[in-house]
Amino acid sequence: MSGNQTRAGFAAVIGAPNAGKSTLVNALVGEKVSIVTQKVQTTRFPIRGVAMHGTTQIVLVDTPGVFAPRRRLDRAMVRAAWTGAQDADVVVHVIDAASRADVEDGQGKAGQKRSVEDDDRVIEGLKASGRKAILALNKVDLMRRDRLLALSQDLFGTGVYSDVFMISAEKGHGVADLKAVLADRMPDGPYFFPEDQSADVPQRVMAAEITREKLYLRLHKELPYASHVETEGWQVKKDGSVRIDQIIYIERETQKPIVLGKGGATIKKIGELARADMEDLFGCKVHLFLQVQVKPNWAERSEHYTSIGLDFNS
C-alpha cells in the first residue's frame, strides 16, 4: 500500500448484553462515544464510533445486545444488532469470559447463565450466516490462564471464528492488538468521516443518551427500561452556551415520584451529572432542563423508534 493510500471500513461489535461491547468501542476510539452501565440492554441502537489507526479509519458499530426478545423494543434492538453485523466488513463477537467460565464450572448466577445462552444465540446466528467473526474474550484479567486457554479452545472449536483475542476492555489490555488487526482488515478506500470526528451520532441524540445513562445509574430494577429520553429543544445562545430541553418519558404515574425523588433530589442529580458530561463532550457551557412525562404506550409509538434508527416493525 502506498504511503498516501487510505483504508476505511466498518467493524460491527456484537454479543450478549453487558459483555463489554460499549466499553470496548470506547477503548478502541480512545474516548467515550457510547454509554456504559452495569445494567444489561443499555445500548438500544447502533452507535458508530470512529477510530483511526495510521492511515486506516475503522468505523466501529456498537450494536444492541443479542438476547431473547419479549417486547417490540427488544425485537427492534436485536434486529438492529444483526443488521449491523450483516452490513459490516468485519464482525467482532465480545464474550464475557469470566462469566462463561463460572457457568461452565457450575458456579454461574442467573444473569451469567442468561449471558451464556445469549452468547450461544450469537454463535448459532454466525453459523447460519456463514460469516467468520473475530472472538474477543473480555474480562480475562478475572480468570486463571489455564482456564482461559481451555475456554478459548472450546469456543474456537465452534468453527465460527477466524481469530481469538484475549482482552480487558476496561483496563485496555489487548485492545491495541485487536485494533491493529481490525485496521489491517479494512478495505482500501477513502475515509467515511473527518479524521478528527470520533462518533457518527447527532448531538441531540447523544445528549439524550447521556441523560439516559444517568437514569440507568441512579434508578433501579425495571424503571430504567420503562423510560425513554428525547431532546426536544436545542438553542445555541449568543455567549456560545447551549440550552437543551429534554423529556423523560415513563410508562406509569406511580413511576414519576421515583424519577423526581424527594424534593426533586433525584432528577436534580441526574441533571447535574448529565450536564457535566455534555459540557465535556460538546466543549461549551450547557443549560439542561428536564421534564418528566407519563406516556403509557411510548414503546408502541413508531416515532420513538425512527428517531434513533430502529425498525418499528421488527
C-alpha atoms as a PDB file:
ATOM      1  CA  MET A   1       0.000   0.000   0.000  1.00  0.00           C
ATOM      2  CA  SER A   2       1.436   3.389  -0.965  1.00  0.00           C
ATOM      3  CA  GLY A   3       2.110   5.980   1.703  1.00  0.00           C
ATOM      4  CA  ASN A   4      -0.918   8.101   0.906  1.00  0.00           C
ATOM      5  CA  GLN A   5      -3.417   5.320   0.242  1.00  0.00           C
ATOM      6  CA  THR A   6      -6.149   5.053   2.834  1.00  0.00           C
ATOM      7  CA  ARG A   7      -8.353   2.280   4.125  1.00  0.00           C
ATOM      8  CA  ALA A   8     -11.794   2.611   5.641  1.00  0.00           C
ATOM      9  CA  GLY A   9     -14.467   0.151   6.660  1.00  0.00           C
ATOM     10  CA  PHE A  10     -16.961  -0.986   9.252  1.00  0.00           C
ATOM     11  CA  ALA A  11     -16.430  -3.343  12.198  1.00  0.00           C
ATOM     12  CA  ALA A  12     -19.583  -4.480  13.997  1.00  0.00           C
ATOM     13  CA  VAL A  13     -19.205  -5.307  17.685  1.00  0.00           C
ATOM     14  CA  ILE A  14     -21.838  -7.837  18.716  1.00  0.00           C
ATOM     15  CA  GLY A  15     -22.521 -10.025  21.735  1.00  0.00           C
ATOM     16  CA  ALA A  16     -24.739 -10.657  24.722  1.00  0.00           C
ATOM     17  CA  PRO A  17     -25.990  -7.715  26.795  1.00  0.00           C
ATOM     18  CA  ASN A  18     -23.368  -6.466  29.252  1.00  0.00           C
ATOM     19  CA  ALA A  19     -20.494  -8.387  27.633  1.00  0.00           C
ATOM     20  CA  GLY A  20     -18.490  -5.156  27.452  1.00  0.00           C
ATOM     21  CA  LYS A  21     -19.182  -4.099  23.861  1.00  0.00           C
ATOM     22  CA  SER A  22     -19.618  -0.395  24.592  1.00  0.00           C
ATOM     23  CA  THR A  23     -16.552  -0.338  26.844  1.00  0.00           C
ATOM     24  CA  LEU A  24     -14.520  -1.941  24.038  1.00  0.00           C
ATOM     25  CA  VAL A  25     -15.768   0.537  21.437  1.00  0.00           C
ATOM     26  CA  ASN A  26     -14.884   3.448  23.713  1.00  0.00           C
ATOM     27  CA  ALA A  27     -11.422   1.951  24.287  1.00  0.00           C
ATOM     28  CA  LEU A  28     -10.797   1.468  20.564  1.00  0.00           C
ATOM     29  CA  VAL A  29     -11.954   5.002  19.743  1.00  0.00           C
ATOM     30  CA  GLY A  30      -9.980   6.477  22.642  1.00  0.00           C
ATOM     31  CA  GLU A  31     -12.889   8.430  24.101  1.00  0.00           C
ATOM     32  CA  LYS A  32     -16.454   7.919  25.249  1.00  0.00           C
ATOM     33  CA  VAL A  33     -18.865   7.585  22.339  1.00  0.00           C
ATOM     34  CA  SER A  34     -21.255   5.006  23.822  1.00  0.00           C
ATOM     35  CA  ILE A  35     -22.933   4.983  27.228  1.00  0.00           C
ATOM     36  CA  VAL A  36     -21.871   2.321  29.700  1.00  0.00           C
ATOM     37  CA  THR A  37     -23.693   0.997  32.770  1.00  0.00           C
ATOM     38  CA  GLN A  38     -23.730  -2.268  34.721  1.00  0.00           C
ATOM     39  CA  LYS A  39     -27.316  -2.912  33.597  1.00  0.00           C
ATOM     40  CA  VAL A  40     -27.980  -5.160  30.620  1.00  0.00           C
ATOM     41  CA  GLN A  41     -29.528  -3.836  27.395  1.00  0.00           C
ATOM     42  CA  THR A  42     -28.151  -0.327  27.926  1.00  0.00           C
ATOM     43  CA  THR A  43     -27.371   0.166  24.228  1.00  0.00           C
ATOM     44  CA  ARG A  44     -30.671   0.446  22.351  1.00  0.00           C
ATOM     45  CA  PHE A  45     -29.496   1.291  18.831  1.00  0.00           C
ATOM     46  CA  PRO A  46     -26.280   1.010  16.799  1.00  0.00           C
ATOM     47  CA  ILE A  47     -23.798   3.750  17.670  1.00  0.00           C
ATOM     48  CA  ARG A  48     -20.887   4.369  15.326  1.00  0.00           C
ATOM     49  CA  GLY A  49     -17.540   5.228  16.856  1.00  0.00           C
ATOM     50  CA  VAL A  50     -14.711   6.330  14.561  1.00  0.00           C
ATOM     51  CA  ALA A  51     -11.194   5.049  15.311  1.00  0.00           C
ATOM     52  CA  MET A  52      -8.021   5.938  13.427  1.00  0.00           C
ATOM     53  CA  HIS A  53      -5.013   3.627  13.086  1.00  0.00           C
ATOM     54  CA  GLY A  54      -2.325   5.102  10.869  1.00  0.00           C
ATOM     55  CA  THR A  55      -3.948   5.781   7.501  1.00  0.00           C
ATOM     56  CA  THR A  56      -6.875   3.475   8.260  1.00  0.00           C
ATOM     57  CA  GLN A  57     -10.279   4.526   9.555  1.00  0.00           C
ATOM     58  CA  ILE A  58     -12.281   1.919  11.456  1.00  0.00           C
ATOM     59  CA  VAL A  59     -15.973   2.711  11.912  1.00  0.00           C
ATOM     60  CA  LEU A  60     -16.986   0.681  14.943  1.00  0.00           C
ATOM     61  CA  VAL A  61     -20.673  -0.189  15.162  1.00  0.00           C
ATOM     62  CA  ASP A  62     -21.643  -0.716  18.799  1.00  0.00           C
ATOM     63  CA  THR A  63     -24.777  -2.830  18.457  1.00  0.00           C
ATOM     64  CA  PRO A  64     -27.527  -3.618  20.974  1.00  0.00           C
ATOM     65  CA  GLY A  65     -27.071  -6.917  22.787  1.00  0.00           C
ATOM     66  CA  VAL A  66     -28.406 -10.147  21.280  1.00  0.00           C
ATOM     67  CA  PHE A  67     -30.904 -11.776  23.644  1.00  0.00           C
ATOM     68  CA  ALA A  68     -34.322 -13.442  23.694  1.00  0.00           C
ATOM     69  CA  PRO A  69     -36.733 -10.591  22.885  1.00  0.00           C
ATOM     70  CA  ARG A  70     -40.043 -10.194  24.678  1.00  0.00           C
ATOM     71  CA  ARG A  71     -41.285  -6.717  23.704  1.00  0.00           C
ATOM     72  CA  ARG A  72     -41.428  -4.741  20.468  1.00  0.00           C
ATOM     73  CA  LEU A  73     -38.450  -2.659  21.597  1.00  0.00           C
ATOM     74  CA  ASP A  74     -36.489  -5.851  22.321  1.00  0.00           C
ATOM     75  CA  ARG A  75     -37.197  -7.199  18.836  1.00  0.00           C
ATOM     76  CA  ALA A  76     -36.147  -3.929  17.226  1.00  0.00           C
ATOM     77  CA  MET A  77     -32.891  -3.897  19.218  1.00  0.00           C
ATOM     78  CA  VAL A  78     -31.958  -7.491  18.315  1.00  0.00           C
ATOM     79  CA  ARG A  79     -32.771  -6.904  14.656  1.00  0.00           C
ATOM     80  CA  ALA A  80     -30.566  -3.785  14.675  1.00  0.00           C
ATOM     81  CA  ALA A  81     -27.707  -5.844  16.127  1.00  0.00           C
ATOM     82  CA  TRP A  82     -27.860  -8.436  13.346  1.00  0.00           C
ATOM     83  CA  THR A  83     -28.323  -5.792  10.651  1.00  0.00           C
ATOM     84  CA  GLY A  84     -25.193  -4.057  11.895  1.00  0.00           C
ATOM     85  CA  ALA A  85     -23.285  -7.336  11.671  1.00  0.00           C
ATOM     86  CA  GLN A  86     -24.554  -8.153   8.172  1.00  0.00           C
ATOM     87  CA  ASP A  87     -23.531  -4.769   6.799  1.00  0.00           C
ATOM     88  CA  ALA A  88     -20.026  -4.724   8.307  1.00  0.00           C
ATOM     89  CA  ASP A  89     -16.671  -5.631   6.769  1.00  0.00           C
ATOM     90  CA  VAL A  90     -15.586  -7.357   9.990  1.00  0.00           C
ATOM     91  CA  VAL A  91     -17.573  -8.754  12.922  1.00  0.00           C
ATOM     92  CA  VAL A  92     -16.194  -8.838  16.481  1.00  0.00           C
ATOM     93  CA  HIS A  93     -18.016 -11.098  18.928  1.00  0.00           C
ATOM     94  CA  VAL A  94     -17.386  -9.984  22.524  1.00  0.00           C
ATOM     95  CA  ILE A  95     -17.853 -12.647  25.211  1.00  0.00           C
ATOM     96  CA  ASP A  96     -17.616 -12.110  28.962  1.00  0.00           C
ATOM     97  CA  ALA A  97     -15.059 -14.856  29.500  1.00  0.00           C
ATOM     98  CA  ALA A  98     -15.189 -14.763  33.309  1.00  0.00           C
ATOM     99  CA  SER A  99     -18.972 -15.215  33.399  1.00  0.00           C
ATOM    100  CA  ARG A 100     -18.913 -18.018  30.859  1.00  0.00           C
ATOM    101  CA  ALA A 101     -16.211 -19.858  32.792  1.00  0.00           C
ATOM    102  CA  ASP A 102     -18.226 -19.548  36.016  1.00  0.00           C
ATOM    103  CA  VAL A 103     -21.279 -21.073  34.325  1.00  0.00           C
ATOM    104  CA  GLU A 104     -19.296 -23.923  32.770  1.00  0.00           C
ATOM    105  CA  ASP A 105     -17.735 -24.618  36.179  1.00  0.00           C
ATOM    106  CA  GLY A 106     -21.191 -24.823  37.788  1.00  0.00           C
ATOM    107  CA  GLN A 107     -20.819 -21.567  39.733  1.00  0.00           C
ATOM    108  CA  GLY A 108     -22.756 -19.202  37.488  1.00  0.00           C
ATOM    109  CA  LYS A 109     -25.533 -16.949  38.709  1.00  0.00           C
ATOM    110  CA  ALA A 110     -28.831 -16.466  36.861  1.00  0.00           C
ATOM    111  CA  GLY A 111     -27.646 -13.404  34.949  1.00  0.00           C
ATOM    112  CA  GLN A 112     -24.439 -15.167  33.904  1.00  0.00           C
ATOM    113  CA  LYS A 113     -26.430 -18.170  32.655  1.00  0.00           C
ATOM    114  CA  ARG A 114     -28.597 -15.891  30.522  1.00  0.00           C
ATOM    115  CA  SER A 115     -25.430 -14.298  29.149  1.00  0.00           C
ATOM    116  CA  VAL A 116     -24.080 -17.704  28.085  1.00  0.00           C
ATOM    117  CA  GLU A 117     -27.407 -18.537  26.421  1.00  0.00           C
ATOM    118  CA  ASP A 118     -27.198 -15.234  24.538  1.00  0.00           C
ATOM    119  CA  ASP A 119     -23.585 -15.967  23.516  1.00  0.00           C
ATOM    120  CA  ASP A 120     -24.798 -19.252  22.069  1.00  0.00           C
ATOM    121  CA  ARG A 121     -27.504 -17.375  20.141  1.00  0.00           C
ATOM    122  CA  VAL A 122     -24.780 -15.285  18.530  1.00  0.00           C
ATOM    123  CA  ILE A 123     -22.731 -18.384  17.697  1.00  0.00           C
ATOM    124  CA  GLU A 124     -25.757 -20.040  16.064  1.00  0.00           C
ATOM    125  CA  GLY A 125     -26.514 -16.818  14.188  1.00  0.00           C
ATOM    126  CA  LEU A 126     -22.953 -16.681  12.863  1.00  0.00           C
ATOM    127  CA  LYS A 127     -23.171 -20.325  11.785  1.00  0.00           C
ATOM    128  CA  ALA A 128     -26.404 -19.630   9.939  1.00  0.00           C
ATOM    129  CA  SER A 129     -24.916 -16.600   8.177  1.00  0.00           C
ATOM    130  CA  GLY A 130     -21.756 -18.429   7.162  1.00  0.00           C
ATOM    131  CA  ARG A 131     -19.652 -15.493   8.358  1.00  0.00           C
ATOM    132  CA  LYS A 132     -16.451 -15.740  10.349  1.00  0.00           C
ATOM    133  CA  ALA A 133     -16.021 -13.384  13.284  1.00  0.00           C
ATOM    134  CA  ILE A 134     -13.160 -12.272  15.490  1.00  0.00           C
ATOM    135  CA  LEU A 135     -13.682 -13.555  19.031  1.00  0.00           C
ATOM    136  CA  ALA A 136     -12.822 -11.052  21.767  1.00  0.00           C
ATOM    137  CA  LEU A 137     -12.737 -12.803  25.132  1.00  0.00           C
ATOM    138  CA  ASN A 138     -13.300  -9.950  27.571  1.00  0.00           C
ATOM    139  CA  LYS A 139     -12.590  -9.561  31.315  1.00  0.00           C
ATOM    140  CA  VAL A 140      -9.712 -12.043  31.081  1.00  0.00           C
ATOM    141  CA  ASP A 141      -7.972 -10.289  33.989  1.00  0.00           C
ATOM    142  CA  LEU A 142     -10.517 -12.016  36.261  1.00  0.00           C
ATOM    143  CA  MET A 143      -9.521 -15.568  35.206  1.00  0.00           C
ATOM    144  CA  ARG A 144      -6.761 -18.134  35.621  1.00  0.00           C
ATOM    145  CA  ARG A 145      -4.733 -18.509  32.432  1.00  0.00           C
ATOM    146  CA  ASP A 146      -5.202 -22.276  32.126  1.00  0.00           C
ATOM    147  CA  ARG A 147      -8.995 -21.899  32.410  1.00  0.00           C
ATOM    148  CA  LEU A 148      -8.911 -19.107  29.839  1.00  0.00           C
ATOM    149  CA  LEU A 149      -6.948 -21.191  27.323  1.00  0.00           C
ATOM    150  CA  ALA A 150      -9.392 -24.097  27.678  1.00  0.00           C
ATOM    151  CA  LEU A 151     -12.361 -21.769  27.168  1.00  0.00           C
ATOM    152  CA  SER A 152     -10.680 -20.219  24.129  1.00  0.00           C
ATOM    153  CA  GLN A 153     -10.088 -23.619  22.539  1.00  0.00           C
ATOM    154  CA  ASP A 154     -13.689 -24.724  23.150  1.00  0.00           C
ATOM    155  CA  LEU A 155     -15.137 -21.594  21.558  1.00  0.00           C
ATOM    156  CA  PHE A 156     -12.726 -21.642  18.608  1.00  0.00           C
ATOM    157  CA  GLY A 157     -13.867 -25.215  18.038  1.00  0.00           C
ATOM    158  CA  THR A 158     -17.353 -23.973  17.112  1.00  0.00           C
ATOM    159  CA  GLY A 159     -15.888 -23.042  13.714  1.00  0.00           C
ATOM    160  CA  VAL A 160     -17.309 -19.520  13.563  1.00  0.00           C
ATOM    161  CA  TYR A 161     -14.149 -17.580  14.478  1.00  0.00           C
ATOM    162  CA  SER A 162     -11.124 -16.598  12.413  1.00  0.00           C
ATOM    163  CA  ASP A 163      -9.109 -15.225  15.366  1.00  0.00           C
ATOM    164  CA  VAL A 164      -9.217 -15.081  19.151  1.00  0.00           C
ATOM    165  CA  PHE A 165      -8.129 -12.065  21.218  1.00  0.00           C
ATOM    166  CA  MET A 166      -7.919 -12.035  24.983  1.00  0.00           C
ATOM    167  CA  ILE A 167      -8.712  -8.573  26.273  1.00  0.00           C
ATOM    168  CA  SER A 168      -9.785  -6.437  29.184  1.00  0.00           C
ATOM    169  CA  ALA A 169     -11.754  -3.626  27.567  1.00  0.00           C
ATOM    170  CA  GLU A 170     -11.990  -1.760  30.862  1.00  0.00           C
ATOM    171  CA  LYS A 171      -8.244  -1.863  31.564  1.00  0.00           C
ATOM    172  CA  GLY A 172      -7.133  -1.678  27.930  1.00  0.00           C
ATOM    173  CA  HIS A 173      -5.276  -4.997  27.860  1.00  0.00           C
ATOM    174  CA  GLY A 174      -5.081  -6.447  24.341  1.00  0.00           C
ATOM    175  CA  VAL A 175      -7.080  -3.581  22.812  1.00  0.00           C
ATOM    176  CA  ALA A 176      -4.169  -2.200  20.753  1.00  0.00           C
ATOM    177  CA  ASP A 177      -3.501  -5.613  19.188  1.00  0.00           C
ATOM    178  CA  LEU A 178      -7.163  -6.026  18.277  1.00  0.00           C
ATOM    179  CA  LYS A 179      -7.253  -2.526  16.786  1.00  0.00           C
ATOM    180  CA  ALA A 180      -4.232  -3.263  14.606  1.00  0.00           C
ATOM    181  CA  VAL A 181      -5.866  -6.400  13.181  1.00  0.00           C
ATOM    182  CA  LEU A 182      -9.149  -4.582  12.552  1.00  0.00           C
ATOM    183  CA  ALA A 183      -7.257  -1.874  10.678  1.00  0.00           C
ATOM    184  CA  ASP A 184      -5.462  -4.477   8.574  1.00  0.00           C
ATOM    185  CA  ARG A 185      -8.801  -5.988   7.513  1.00  0.00           C
ATOM    186  CA  MET A 186     -10.418  -2.759   6.381  1.00  0.00           C
ATOM    187  CA  PRO A 187     -10.742  -2.390   2.593  1.00  0.00           C
ATOM    188  CA  ASP A 188      -8.894   0.228   0.580  1.00  0.00           C
ATOM    189  CA  GLY A 189     -10.919   3.409   0.161  1.00  0.00           C
ATOM    190  CA  PRO A 190     -11.479   6.986   1.262  1.00  0.00           C
ATOM    191  CA  TYR A 191     -12.483   7.888   4.816  1.00  0.00           C
ATOM    192  CA  PHE A 192     -16.174   7.983   5.672  1.00  0.00           C
ATOM    193  CA  PHE A 193     -15.723  10.719   8.286  1.00  0.00           C
ATOM    194  CA  PRO A 194     -13.255  13.530   9.031  1.00  0.00           C
ATOM    195  CA  GLU A 195     -10.174  12.251  10.858  1.00  0.00           C
ATOM    196  CA  ASP A 196     -10.987  14.297  13.977  1.00  0.00           C
ATOM    197  CA  GLN A 197     -14.569  13.005  14.272  1.00  0.00           C
ATOM    198  CA  SER A 198     -14.981  10.354  16.968  1.00  0.00           C
ATOM    199  CA  ALA A 199     -18.643   9.393  16.549  1.00  0.00           C
ATOM    200  CA  ASP A 200     -21.446   9.411  13.999  1.00  0.00           C
ATOM    201  CA  VAL A 201     -24.240  10.296  16.406  1.00  0.00           C
ATOM    202  CA  PRO A 202     -26.283  13.529  16.134  1.00  0.00           C
ATOM    203  CA  GLN A 203     -25.628  15.814  19.102  1.00  0.00           C
ATOM    204  CA  ARG A 204     -29.307  15.836  20.075  1.00  0.00           C
ATOM    205  CA  VAL A 205     -29.336  12.029  20.205  1.00  0.00           C
ATOM    206  CA  MET A 206     -26.025  11.879  22.074  1.00  0.00           C
ATOM    207  CA  ALA A 207     -27.347  14.347  24.659  1.00  0.00           C
ATOM    208  CA  ALA A 208     -30.416  12.141  25.190  1.00  0.00           C
ATOM    209  CA  GLU A 209     -28.177   9.079  25.529  1.00  0.00           C
ATOM    210  CA  ILE A 210     -26.098  10.806  28.215  1.00  0.00           C
ATOM    211  CA  THR A 211     -29.207  11.584  30.264  1.00  0.00           C
ATOM    212  CA  ARG A 212     -30.475   8.023  29.789  1.00  0.00           C
ATOM    213  CA  GLU A 213     -27.159   6.712  31.084  1.00  0.00           C
ATOM    214  CA  LYS A 214     -27.572   8.759  34.267  1.00  0.00           C
ATOM    215  CA  LEU A 215     -31.133   7.425  34.645  1.00  0.00           C
ATOM    216  CA  TYR A 216     -29.798   3.870  34.428  1.00  0.00           C
ATOM    217  CA  LEU A 217     -27.114   4.612  37.009  1.00  0.00           C
ATOM    218  CA  ARG A 218     -29.451   6.323  39.515  1.00  0.00           C
ATOM    219  CA  LEU A 219     -32.601   4.194  39.179  1.00  0.00           C
ATOM    220  CA  HIS A 220     -33.050   0.511  39.863  1.00  0.00           C
ATOM    221  CA  LYS A 221     -34.902  -2.640  38.830  1.00  0.00           C
ATOM    222  CA  GLU A 222     -37.233  -2.245  35.841  1.00  0.00           C
ATOM    223  CA  LEU A 223     -37.701   1.528  35.866  1.00  0.00           C
ATOM    224  CA  PRO A 224     -34.785   2.375  33.560  1.00  0.00           C
ATOM    225  CA  TYR A 225     -36.199   0.019  30.929  1.00  0.00           C
ATOM    226  CA  ALA A 226     -39.578   1.751  31.175  1.00  0.00           C
ATOM    227  CA  SER A 227     -38.006   5.128  30.395  1.00  0.00           C
ATOM    228  CA  HIS A 228     -37.087   6.961  27.220  1.00  0.00           C
ATOM    229  CA  VAL A 229     -35.308  10.304  26.781  1.00  0.00           C
ATOM    230  CA  GLU A 230     -35.778  12.709  23.894  1.00  0.00           C
ATOM    231  CA  THR A 231     -34.113  16.059  23.216  1.00  0.00           C
ATOM    232  CA  GLU A 232     -36.970  18.429  22.428  1.00  0.00           C
ATOM    233  CA  GLY A 233     -35.072  21.703  22.221  1.00  0.00           C
ATOM    234  CA  TRP A 234     -31.523  22.784  21.304  1.00  0.00           C
ATOM    235  CA  GLN A 235     -30.766  26.502  21.322  1.00  0.00           C
ATOM    236  CA  VAL A 236     -27.301  27.991  20.892  1.00  0.00           C
ATOM    237  CA  LYS A 237     -27.082  31.252  22.847  1.00  0.00           C
ATOM    238  CA  LYS A 238     -25.107  34.400  21.980  1.00  0.00           C
ATOM    239  CA  ASP A 239     -22.424  33.593  24.554  1.00  0.00           C
ATOM    240  CA  GLY A 240     -21.781  30.191  22.905  1.00  0.00           C
ATOM    241  CA  SER A 241     -23.588  28.178  25.562  1.00  0.00           C
ATOM    242  CA  VAL A 242     -26.385  25.748  24.670  1.00  0.00           C
ATOM    243  CA  ARG A 243     -29.841  25.378  26.195  1.00  0.00           C
ATOM    244  CA  ILE A 244     -31.007  21.764  25.973  1.00  0.00           C
ATOM    245  CA  ASP A 245     -34.587  20.794  26.800  1.00  0.00           C
ATOM    246  CA  GLN A 246     -35.306  17.098  27.289  1.00  0.00           C
ATOM    247  CA  ILE A 247     -38.318  14.981  28.154  1.00  0.00           C
ATOM    248  CA  ILE A 248     -38.014  11.782  30.164  1.00  0.00           C
ATOM    249  CA  TYR A 249     -40.932   9.552  29.196  1.00  0.00           C
ATOM    250  CA  ILE A 250     -42.119   6.916  31.660  1.00  0.00           C
ATOM    251  CA  GLU A 251     -44.957   4.386  31.472  1.00  0.00           C
ATOM    252  CA  ARG A 252     -46.907   4.883  34.714  1.00  0.00           C
ATOM    253  CA  GLU A 253     -47.863   7.753  37.003  1.00  0.00           C
ATOM    254  CA  THR A 254     -46.513   5.805  40.007  1.00  0.00           C
ATOM    255  CA  GLN A 255     -43.012   5.959  38.439  1.00  0.00           C
ATOM    256  CA  LYS A 256     -42.942   9.746  38.397  1.00  0.00           C
ATOM    257  CA  PRO A 257     -42.140  10.331  42.085  1.00  0.00           C
ATOM    258  CA  ILE A 258     -39.321   7.770  41.819  1.00  0.00           C
ATOM    259  CA  VAL A 259     -37.685   9.665  38.938  1.00  0.00           C
ATOM    260  CA  LEU A 260     -38.208  13.002  40.662  1.00  0.00           C
ATOM    261  CA  GLY A 261     -37.069  11.833  44.109  1.00  0.00           C
ATOM    262  CA  LYS A 262     -37.799  13.503  47.440  1.00  0.00           C
ATOM    263  CA  GLY A 263     -37.999  17.227  46.878  1.00  0.00           C
ATOM    264  CA  GLY A 264     -36.805  16.707  43.305  1.00  0.00           C
ATOM    265  CA  ALA A 265     -33.402  15.450  44.522  1.00  0.00           C
ATOM    266  CA  THR A 266     -33.095  12.508  42.106  1.00  0.00           C
ATOM    267  CA  ILE A 267     -33.948  14.414  38.921  1.00  0.00           C
ATOM    268  CA  LYS A 268     -31.669  17.246  40.058  1.00  0.00           C
ATOM    269  CA  LYS A 269     -28.737  14.849  40.485  1.00  0.00           C
ATOM    270  CA  ILE A 270     -29.435  13.185  37.124  1.00  0.00           C
ATOM    271  CA  GLY A 271     -29.429  16.633  35.518  1.00  0.00           C
ATOM    272  CA  GLU A 272     -26.175  17.664  37.208  1.00  0.00           C
ATOM    273  CA  LEU A 273     -24.343  14.509  36.117  1.00  0.00           C
ATOM    274  CA  ALA A 274     -25.726  14.661  32.573  1.00  0.00           C
ATOM    275  CA  ARG A 275     -24.887  18.350  32.191  1.00  0.00           C
ATOM    276  CA  ALA A 276     -21.275  17.795  33.280  1.00  0.00           C
ATOM    277  CA  ASP A 277     -20.808  15.042  30.680  1.00  0.00           C
ATOM    278  CA  MET A 278     -22.447  17.147  27.974  1.00  0.00           C
ATOM    279  CA  GLU A 279     -20.149  20.089  28.700  1.00  0.00           C
ATOM    280  CA  ASP A 280     -17.120  17.807  28.398  1.00  0.00           C
ATOM    281  CA  LEU A 281     -18.400  16.308  25.151  1.00  0.00           C
ATOM    282  CA  PHE A 282     -19.663  19.472  23.444  1.00  0.00           C
ATOM    283  CA  GLY A 283     -16.955  21.786  24.761  1.00  0.00           C
ATOM    284  CA  CYS A 284     -19.290  24.535  25.932  1.00  0.00           C
ATOM    285  CA  LYS A 285     -21.490  25.535  28.860  1.00  0.00           C
ATOM    286  CA  VAL A 286     -24.782  23.636  28.878  1.00  0.00           C
ATOM    287  CA  HIS A 287     -28.091  24.733  30.423  1.00  0.00           C
ATOM    288  CA  LEU A 288     -30.061  21.491  30.799  1.00  0.00           C
ATOM    289  CA  PHE A 289     -33.801  21.442  31.534  1.00  0.00           C
ATOM    290  CA  LEU A 290     -35.513  18.116  32.232  1.00  0.00           C
ATOM    291  CA  GLN A 291     -39.216  17.296  32.288  1.00  0.00           C
ATOM    292  CA  VAL A 292     -40.843  14.008  33.257  1.00  0.00           C
ATOM    293  CA  GLN A 293     -43.936  12.975  31.327  1.00  0.00           C
ATOM    294  CA  VAL A 294     -46.110   9.887  31.618  1.00  0.00           C
ATOM    295  CA  LYS A 295     -46.760   8.245  28.264  1.00  0.00           C
ATOM    296  CA  PRO A 296     -48.086   4.721  28.923  1.00  0.00           C
ATOM    297  CA  ASN A 297     -47.556   3.439  25.396  1.00  0.00           C
ATOM    298  CA  TRP A 298     -44.331   5.199  24.392  1.00  0.00           C
ATOM    299  CA  ALA A 299     -42.739   1.847  23.474  1.00  0.00           C
ATOM    300  CA  GLU A 300     -45.571   1.263  20.965  1.00  0.00           C
ATOM    301  CA  ARG A 301     -45.200   4.576  19.131  1.00  0.00           C
ATOM    302  CA  SER A 302     -43.213   4.493  15.902  1.00  0.00           C
ATOM    303  CA  GLU A 303     -41.677   7.972  16.276  1.00  0.00           C
ATOM    304  CA  HIS A 304     -39.643   6.834  19.275  1.00  0.00           C
ATOM    305  CA  TYR A 305     -38.047   4.149  17.070  1.00  0.00           C
ATOM    306  CA  THR A 306     -37.389   6.114  13.903  1.00  0.00           C
ATOM    307  CA  SER A 307     -35.762   8.935  15.898  1.00  0.00           C
ATOM    308  CA  ILE A 308     -32.954   6.565  16.917  1.00  0.00           C
ATOM    309  CA  GLY A 309     -32.804   4.451  13.754  1.00  0.00           C
ATOM    310  CA  LEU A 310     -34.708   1.361  14.913  1.00  0.00           C
ATOM    311  CA  ASP A 311     -37.248  -0.551  12.818  1.00  0.00           C
ATOM    312  CA  PHE A 312     -40.665  -0.204  14.458  1.00  0.00           C
ATOM    313  CA  ASN A 313     -41.991  -3.203  12.519  1.00  0.00           C
ATOM    314  CA  SER A 314     -39.329  -5.695  13.654  1.00  0.00           C
END
